N, C-alpha and C. Protein backbone atom coordinates (compact mmCIF):
# COMPACT_ATOMS: atom_id res chain seq x y z
N MET A 1 13.29 20.37 30.22
CA MET A 1 13.54 21.15 29.04
C MET A 1 12.60 22.36 29.08
N SER A 2 13.13 23.53 28.80
CA SER A 2 12.30 24.72 28.80
C SER A 2 11.46 24.77 27.52
N TYR A 3 10.50 25.69 27.50
CA TYR A 3 9.63 25.77 26.33
C TYR A 3 10.40 26.20 25.09
N THR A 4 11.38 27.08 25.24
CA THR A 4 12.17 27.53 24.09
C THR A 4 12.96 26.37 23.50
N SER A 5 13.62 25.60 24.34
CA SER A 5 14.41 24.49 23.81
C SER A 5 13.50 23.40 23.23
N THR A 6 12.30 23.26 23.76
CA THR A 6 11.34 22.31 23.20
C THR A 6 10.94 22.73 21.79
N TRP A 7 10.67 24.01 21.60
CA TRP A 7 10.31 24.52 20.28
C TRP A 7 11.46 24.36 19.29
N VAL A 8 12.67 24.67 19.75
CA VAL A 8 13.83 24.54 18.86
C VAL A 8 14.06 23.09 18.49
N THR A 9 14.01 22.20 19.47
CA THR A 9 14.19 20.78 19.21
C THR A 9 13.11 20.25 18.27
N GLY A 10 11.88 20.62 18.51
CA GLY A 10 10.78 20.20 17.64
C GLY A 10 10.93 20.71 16.22
N GLY A 11 11.36 21.95 16.09
CA GLY A 11 11.58 22.51 14.75
C GLY A 11 12.69 21.81 14.01
N LEU A 12 13.79 21.53 14.71
CA LEU A 12 14.90 20.82 14.08
C LEU A 12 14.50 19.41 13.68
N MET A 13 13.72 18.75 14.51
CA MET A 13 13.27 17.40 14.17
C MET A 13 12.30 17.43 12.99
N ALA A 14 11.49 18.47 12.88
CA ALA A 14 10.58 18.59 11.74
C ALA A 14 11.38 18.78 10.45
N VAL A 15 12.40 19.63 10.49
CA VAL A 15 13.24 19.83 9.31
C VAL A 15 13.97 18.54 8.96
N LEU A 16 14.49 17.85 9.97
CA LEU A 16 15.18 16.58 9.72
C LEU A 16 14.22 15.55 9.12
N GLY A 17 12.99 15.53 9.58
CA GLY A 17 12.00 14.62 9.03
C GLY A 17 11.70 14.90 7.57
N LEU A 18 11.60 16.19 7.22
CA LEU A 18 11.37 16.54 5.82
C LEU A 18 12.57 16.17 4.96
N LEU A 19 13.78 16.39 5.48
CA LEU A 19 14.97 15.98 4.74
C LEU A 19 15.03 14.46 4.57
N ALA A 20 14.55 13.73 5.55
CA ALA A 20 14.51 12.28 5.45
C ALA A 20 13.56 11.84 4.34
N LEU A 21 12.43 12.55 4.18
CA LEU A 21 11.51 12.22 3.10
C LEU A 21 12.13 12.51 1.73
N VAL A 22 12.88 13.62 1.64
CA VAL A 22 13.57 13.95 0.39
C VAL A 22 14.60 12.87 0.09
N PHE A 23 15.31 12.44 1.13
CA PHE A 23 16.30 11.37 0.97
C PHE A 23 15.64 10.09 0.48
N ALA A 24 14.51 9.75 1.07
CA ALA A 24 13.80 8.52 0.67
C ALA A 24 13.26 8.63 -0.76
N SER A 25 12.81 9.81 -1.15
CA SER A 25 12.24 9.95 -2.49
C SER A 25 13.30 9.85 -3.57
N GLY A 26 14.53 10.20 -3.25
CA GLY A 26 15.59 10.12 -4.24
C GLY A 26 16.42 8.85 -4.15
N ALA A 27 15.97 7.91 -3.36
CA ALA A 27 16.74 6.69 -3.14
C ALA A 27 16.75 5.82 -4.40
N THR A 28 17.88 5.20 -4.62
CA THR A 28 18.01 4.30 -5.76
C THR A 28 18.01 2.83 -5.35
N ASP A 29 18.03 2.57 -4.05
CA ASP A 29 17.97 1.19 -3.57
C ASP A 29 17.05 1.12 -2.36
N ALA A 30 16.71 -0.08 -1.98
CA ALA A 30 15.74 -0.28 -0.91
C ALA A 30 16.27 0.14 0.45
N ILE A 31 17.55 -0.03 0.68
CA ILE A 31 18.11 0.32 2.00
C ILE A 31 18.00 1.82 2.25
N ALA A 32 18.36 2.62 1.26
CA ALA A 32 18.26 4.07 1.43
C ALA A 32 16.80 4.51 1.58
N TYR A 33 15.91 3.88 0.83
CA TYR A 33 14.49 4.21 0.91
C TYR A 33 13.94 3.95 2.31
N TRP A 34 14.19 2.75 2.83
CA TRP A 34 13.65 2.40 4.15
C TRP A 34 14.36 3.16 5.27
N THR A 35 15.62 3.51 5.08
CA THR A 35 16.32 4.33 6.07
C THR A 35 15.68 5.71 6.15
N GLY A 36 15.38 6.31 5.01
CA GLY A 36 14.72 7.60 4.99
C GLY A 36 13.34 7.57 5.63
N LEU A 37 12.57 6.53 5.31
CA LEU A 37 11.25 6.41 5.92
C LEU A 37 11.33 6.15 7.42
N GLY A 38 12.31 5.34 7.83
CA GLY A 38 12.49 5.07 9.25
C GLY A 38 12.89 6.32 10.02
N LEU A 39 13.77 7.11 9.43
CA LEU A 39 14.18 8.36 10.09
C LEU A 39 13.01 9.32 10.18
N PHE A 40 12.19 9.37 9.12
CA PHE A 40 10.99 10.22 9.15
C PHE A 40 10.03 9.78 10.25
N LEU A 41 9.82 8.48 10.36
CA LEU A 41 8.94 7.97 11.40
C LEU A 41 9.47 8.30 12.80
N PHE A 42 10.78 8.15 12.98
CA PHE A 42 11.39 8.50 14.26
C PHE A 42 11.16 9.97 14.58
N CYS A 43 11.33 10.85 13.59
CA CYS A 43 11.14 12.29 13.82
C CYS A 43 9.69 12.61 14.20
N VAL A 44 8.75 11.97 13.51
CA VAL A 44 7.33 12.20 13.83
C VAL A 44 7.01 11.74 15.24
N LEU A 45 7.47 10.55 15.61
CA LEU A 45 7.21 10.05 16.96
C LEU A 45 7.90 10.89 18.01
N PHE A 46 9.09 11.39 17.71
CA PHE A 46 9.80 12.26 18.65
C PHE A 46 9.02 13.55 18.88
N CYS A 47 8.48 14.14 17.80
CA CYS A 47 7.68 15.36 17.94
C CYS A 47 6.40 15.09 18.73
N PHE A 48 5.76 13.94 18.48
CA PHE A 48 4.58 13.58 19.27
C PHE A 48 4.94 13.41 20.74
N GLY A 49 6.11 12.84 21.01
CA GLY A 49 6.56 12.71 22.39
C GLY A 49 6.78 14.05 23.06
N LEU A 50 7.34 15.01 22.31
CA LEU A 50 7.50 16.36 22.87
C LEU A 50 6.16 16.99 23.19
N ILE A 51 5.20 16.81 22.29
CA ILE A 51 3.86 17.36 22.52
C ILE A 51 3.24 16.72 23.74
N ASN A 52 3.33 15.40 23.84
CA ASN A 52 2.75 14.69 24.97
C ASN A 52 3.39 15.12 26.29
N LYS A 53 4.69 15.32 26.27
CA LYS A 53 5.41 15.70 27.48
C LYS A 53 4.97 17.08 27.97
N ASN A 54 4.67 17.98 27.05
CA ASN A 54 4.38 19.36 27.43
C ASN A 54 2.92 19.68 27.61
N VAL A 55 2.03 18.92 26.99
CA VAL A 55 0.60 19.22 27.14
C VAL A 55 -0.21 18.02 27.62
N GLY A 56 0.45 16.91 27.87
CA GLY A 56 -0.25 15.73 28.35
C GLY A 56 -0.73 15.90 29.77
N LYS A 57 -1.46 14.91 30.25
CA LYS A 57 -1.96 14.96 31.62
C LYS A 57 -0.80 14.90 32.61
N LYS A 58 -0.90 15.72 33.62
CA LYS A 58 0.11 15.72 34.68
C LYS A 58 -0.24 14.64 35.70
N LYS A 59 0.72 13.78 36.01
CA LYS A 59 0.48 12.74 37.01
C LYS A 59 0.87 13.29 38.38
N ASP A 60 0.01 13.02 39.34
CA ASP A 60 0.28 13.52 40.71
C ASP A 60 1.18 12.59 41.46
């Protein structure tokens, strides 16, 4: 993945994560609440994975 597509993907995942928090905050039942939090957690871990892939140690 090029640096431009990494930035775009990371930005989209950040927006999706924020939308997931909004979804969770407006939930009226437990399933919607935990789905929103789970999606947020997935987005955060995905962004951390992108960071690790691009600035982590290079294996020889």
